């Protein structure tokens, strides 16, 4: 299942600070809500195809805060 982190609505938030978000070849999809990235954050996917990538839904607001350094490895998709 790619939707293991469930955000109920647009008021839901996830804050990533100085961490690694790693996805296996199953992939990971974020829908609804807001994502905040601060300090050094690494997003890594072991997937080789769009179906296995880390995906951000069109209903997600992603914000890079002033101290953010975002490193992306592997599949990363914007889903509409």
N, C-alpha and C. Protein backbone atom coordinates (compact mmCIF):
# COMPACT_ATOMS: atom_id res chain seq x y z
N UNK A 1 0.85 -1.18 0.00
CA UNK A 1 0.00 0.00 0.00
C UNK A 1 0.89 1.24 0.00
N UNK A 2 0.67 2.13 -0.94
CA UNK A 2 1.49 3.34 -1.06
C UNK A 2 1.01 4.47 -0.16
N UNK A 3 -0.17 4.33 0.43
CA UNK A 3 -0.75 5.40 1.23
C UNK A 3 -0.71 5.07 2.73
N UNK A 4 0.47 4.77 3.23
CA UNK A 4 0.59 4.36 4.63
C UNK A 4 0.50 5.54 5.59
N UNK A 5 0.84 6.73 5.13
CA UNK A 5 0.67 7.93 5.95
C UNK A 5 -0.56 8.64 5.44
N UNK A 6 -1.58 8.70 6.27
CA UNK A 6 -2.86 9.26 5.86
C UNK A 6 -3.07 10.62 6.51
N UNK A 7 -3.28 11.64 5.69
CA UNK A 7 -3.61 12.96 6.21
C UNK A 7 -5.08 13.21 5.90
N UNK A 8 -5.85 13.47 6.92
CA UNK A 8 -7.31 13.51 6.81
C UNK A 8 -7.84 14.62 5.90
N UNK A 9 -7.21 15.80 5.96
CA UNK A 9 -7.72 16.91 5.15
C UNK A 9 -6.63 17.97 4.99
N UNK A 10 -6.98 19.12 4.41
CA UNK A 10 -6.01 20.19 4.13
C UNK A 10 -5.38 20.79 5.38
N UNK A 11 -5.99 20.59 6.55
CA UNK A 11 -5.40 21.13 7.78
C UNK A 11 -4.34 20.20 8.38
N UNK A 12 -4.19 19.00 7.84
CA UNK A 12 -3.19 18.05 8.33
C UNK A 12 -1.80 18.49 7.90
N UNK A 13 -0.80 18.29 8.79
CA UNK A 13 0.57 18.72 8.50
C UNK A 13 1.58 17.64 8.87
N UNK A 14 2.64 17.53 8.07
CA UNK A 14 3.81 16.73 8.41
C UNK A 14 5.01 17.66 8.33
N UNK A 15 5.85 17.63 9.36
CA UNK A 15 7.02 18.50 9.43
C UNK A 15 8.25 17.62 9.42
N UNK A 16 9.10 17.77 8.39
CA UNK A 16 10.33 17.00 8.27
C UNK A 16 11.49 17.93 8.58
N UNK A 17 12.29 17.57 9.58
CA UNK A 17 13.44 18.39 9.96
C UNK A 17 14.66 17.51 10.15
N UNK A 18 15.67 17.73 9.32
CA UNK A 18 16.94 17.02 9.45
C UNK A 18 16.76 15.51 9.47
N UNK A 19 16.03 14.98 8.51
CA UNK A 19 15.72 13.55 8.53
C UNK A 19 15.81 12.96 7.12
N UNK A 20 15.60 11.65 7.05
CA UNK A 20 15.52 10.94 5.77
C UNK A 20 14.16 10.29 5.66
N UNK A 21 13.52 10.52 4.52
CA UNK A 21 12.26 9.84 4.18
C UNK A 21 12.64 8.82 3.12
N UNK A 22 12.56 7.54 3.47
CA UNK A 22 13.01 6.49 2.56
C UNK A 22 11.85 5.58 2.22
N UNK A 23 11.70 5.30 0.93
CA UNK A 23 10.63 4.43 0.45
C UNK A 23 11.23 3.20 -0.21
N UNK A 24 10.62 2.06 0.04
CA UNK A 24 11.02 0.84 -0.65
C UNK A 24 10.44 0.87 -2.07
N UNK A 25 10.56 -0.22 -2.79
CA UNK A 25 10.04 -0.27 -4.16
C UNK A 25 8.50 -0.28 -4.20
N UNK A 26 7.85 -0.34 -3.04
CA UNK A 26 6.39 -0.20 -3.00
C UNK A 26 5.99 1.22 -3.33
N UNK A 27 6.82 2.18 -2.99
CA UNK A 27 6.52 3.58 -3.22
C UNK A 27 5.80 4.19 -2.03
N UNK A 28 5.62 5.50 -2.08
CA UNK A 28 4.96 6.23 -1.02
C UNK A 28 4.23 7.40 -1.67
N UNK A 29 2.99 7.62 -1.27
CA UNK A 29 2.20 8.71 -1.86
C UNK A 29 1.65 9.58 -0.74
N UNK A 30 1.86 10.88 -0.86
CA UNK A 30 1.32 11.85 0.08
C UNK A 30 0.15 12.57 -0.59
N UNK A 31 -1.01 12.55 0.05
CA UNK A 31 -2.18 13.26 -0.46
C UNK A 31 -2.79 14.06 0.69
N UNK A 32 -3.48 15.13 0.34
CA UNK A 32 -4.10 16.04 1.32
C UNK A 32 -3.03 16.73 2.15
N UNK A 33 -3.41 17.77 2.81
CA UNK A 33 -2.57 18.41 3.82
C UNK A 33 -1.37 19.17 3.31
N UNK A 34 -0.45 19.40 4.26
CA UNK A 34 0.73 20.22 4.01
C UNK A 34 1.98 19.50 4.48
N UNK A 35 3.07 19.66 3.72
CA UNK A 35 4.37 19.13 4.08
C UNK A 35 5.33 20.30 4.27
N UNK A 36 6.10 20.27 5.34
CA UNK A 36 7.10 21.29 5.61
C UNK A 36 8.47 20.62 5.67
N UNK A 37 9.45 21.20 4.97
CA UNK A 37 10.82 20.68 4.96
C UNK A 37 11.74 21.73 5.56
N UNK A 38 12.53 21.33 6.59
CA UNK A 38 13.43 22.26 7.25
C UNK A 38 14.76 21.57 7.51
N UNK A 39 15.83 22.34 7.44
CA UNK A 39 17.19 21.83 7.58
C UNK A 39 17.46 20.79 6.49
N UNK A 40 18.40 19.90 6.68
CA UNK A 40 18.74 18.93 5.64
C UNK A 40 17.77 17.76 5.67
N UNK A 41 17.00 17.60 4.60
CA UNK A 41 16.05 16.50 4.47
C UNK A 41 16.40 15.73 3.20
N UNK A 42 16.49 14.42 3.32
CA UNK A 42 16.75 13.55 2.18
C UNK A 42 15.51 12.73 1.90
N UNK A 43 15.07 12.73 0.64
CA UNK A 43 13.96 11.90 0.19
C UNK A 43 14.57 10.88 -0.76
N UNK A 44 14.42 9.60 -0.41
CA UNK A 44 15.06 8.53 -1.17
C UNK A 44 14.05 7.45 -1.52
N UNK A 45 14.06 7.02 -2.77
CA UNK A 45 13.16 5.97 -3.22
C UNK A 45 13.95 4.85 -3.89
N UNK A 46 13.63 3.62 -3.55
CA UNK A 46 14.27 2.47 -4.19
C UNK A 46 13.56 2.07 -5.48
N UNK A 47 12.43 2.69 -5.76
CA UNK A 47 11.65 2.36 -6.95
C UNK A 47 12.29 2.83 -8.24
N UNK A 48 12.03 2.08 -9.32
CA UNK A 48 12.58 2.41 -10.63
C UNK A 48 11.55 3.00 -11.58
N UNK A 49 10.26 2.90 -11.25
CA UNK A 49 9.21 3.38 -12.13
C UNK A 49 8.36 4.41 -11.40
N UNK A 50 7.50 5.12 -12.14
CA UNK A 50 6.62 6.11 -11.53
C UNK A 50 5.70 5.47 -10.49
N UNK A 51 5.28 4.24 -10.72
CA UNK A 51 4.39 3.54 -9.79
C UNK A 51 5.09 3.19 -8.48
N UNK A 52 6.42 3.27 -8.46
CA UNK A 52 7.19 2.92 -7.26
C UNK A 52 7.85 4.13 -6.63
N UNK A 53 7.56 5.31 -7.14
CA UNK A 53 8.23 6.54 -6.70
C UNK A 53 7.59 7.13 -5.45
N UNK A 54 8.27 8.09 -4.85
CA UNK A 54 7.66 8.94 -3.84
C UNK A 54 6.84 9.96 -4.61
N UNK A 55 5.55 10.06 -4.28
CA UNK A 55 4.66 10.94 -5.04
C UNK A 55 4.02 11.98 -4.14
N UNK A 56 3.88 13.19 -4.67
CA UNK A 56 3.13 14.25 -4.00
C UNK A 56 1.87 14.50 -4.82
N UNK A 57 0.73 14.38 -4.18
CA UNK A 57 -0.53 14.62 -4.86
C UNK A 57 -0.74 16.10 -5.14
N UNK A 58 -1.61 16.39 -6.10
CA UNK A 58 -1.89 17.78 -6.46
C UNK A 58 -2.59 18.53 -5.33
N UNK A 59 -3.11 17.80 -4.34
CA UNK A 59 -3.78 18.41 -3.21
C UNK A 59 -2.87 18.60 -1.99
N UNK A 60 -1.55 18.47 -2.20
CA UNK A 60 -0.56 18.65 -1.14
C UNK A 60 0.15 19.98 -1.35
N UNK A 61 0.28 20.75 -0.29
CA UNK A 61 1.08 21.97 -0.31
C UNK A 61 2.41 21.65 0.34
N UNK A 62 3.49 21.75 -0.43
CA UNK A 62 4.84 21.49 0.09
C UNK A 62 5.57 22.81 0.24
N UNK A 63 6.17 23.02 1.43
CA UNK A 63 6.87 24.27 1.73
C UNK A 63 8.30 23.97 2.13
N UNK A 64 9.25 24.62 1.45
CA UNK A 64 10.65 24.58 1.85
C UNK A 64 10.90 25.78 2.74
N UNK A 65 11.20 25.54 3.99
CA UNK A 65 11.47 26.64 4.92
C UNK A 65 12.86 27.22 4.67
N UNK A 66 13.16 28.35 5.25
CA UNK A 66 14.38 29.10 4.92
C UNK A 66 15.66 28.31 5.15
N UNK A 67 15.67 27.38 6.08
CA UNK A 67 16.87 26.60 6.34
C UNK A 67 16.91 25.28 5.61
N UNK A 68 16.02 25.07 4.66
CA UNK A 68 15.88 23.76 4.02
C UNK A 68 16.96 23.50 2.98
N UNK A 69 17.43 22.26 2.97
CA UNK A 69 18.29 21.72 1.92
C UNK A 69 17.70 20.36 1.59
N UNK A 70 17.03 20.25 0.47
CA UNK A 70 16.31 19.03 0.10
C UNK A 70 17.13 18.25 -0.91
N UNK A 71 17.47 17.01 -0.55
CA UNK A 71 18.19 16.10 -1.44
C UNK A 71 17.24 14.99 -1.86
N UNK A 72 17.11 14.76 -3.16
CA UNK A 72 16.18 13.75 -3.67
C UNK A 72 16.97 12.71 -4.45
N UNK A 73 16.75 11.43 -4.12
CA UNK A 73 17.40 10.31 -4.81
C UNK A 73 16.34 9.32 -5.24
N UNK A 74 16.43 8.82 -6.44
CA UNK A 74 15.47 7.84 -6.94
C UNK A 74 14.23 8.53 -7.50
N UNK A 75 13.17 7.75 -7.62
CA UNK A 75 11.94 8.25 -8.23
C UNK A 75 11.20 9.24 -7.37
N UNK A 76 10.82 10.36 -7.98
CA UNK A 76 10.06 11.40 -7.29
C UNK A 76 9.09 11.98 -8.31
N UNK A 77 7.80 11.93 -8.03
CA UNK A 77 6.79 12.33 -9.01
C UNK A 77 5.78 13.29 -8.40
N UNK A 78 5.25 14.16 -9.23
CA UNK A 78 4.09 14.98 -8.85
C UNK A 78 2.88 14.31 -9.50
N UNK A 79 1.90 14.00 -8.68
CA UNK A 79 0.73 13.23 -9.13
C UNK A 79 -0.46 14.15 -9.26
N UNK A 80 -1.12 14.09 -10.38
CA UNK A 80 -2.28 14.96 -10.59
C UNK A 80 -3.53 14.16 -10.84
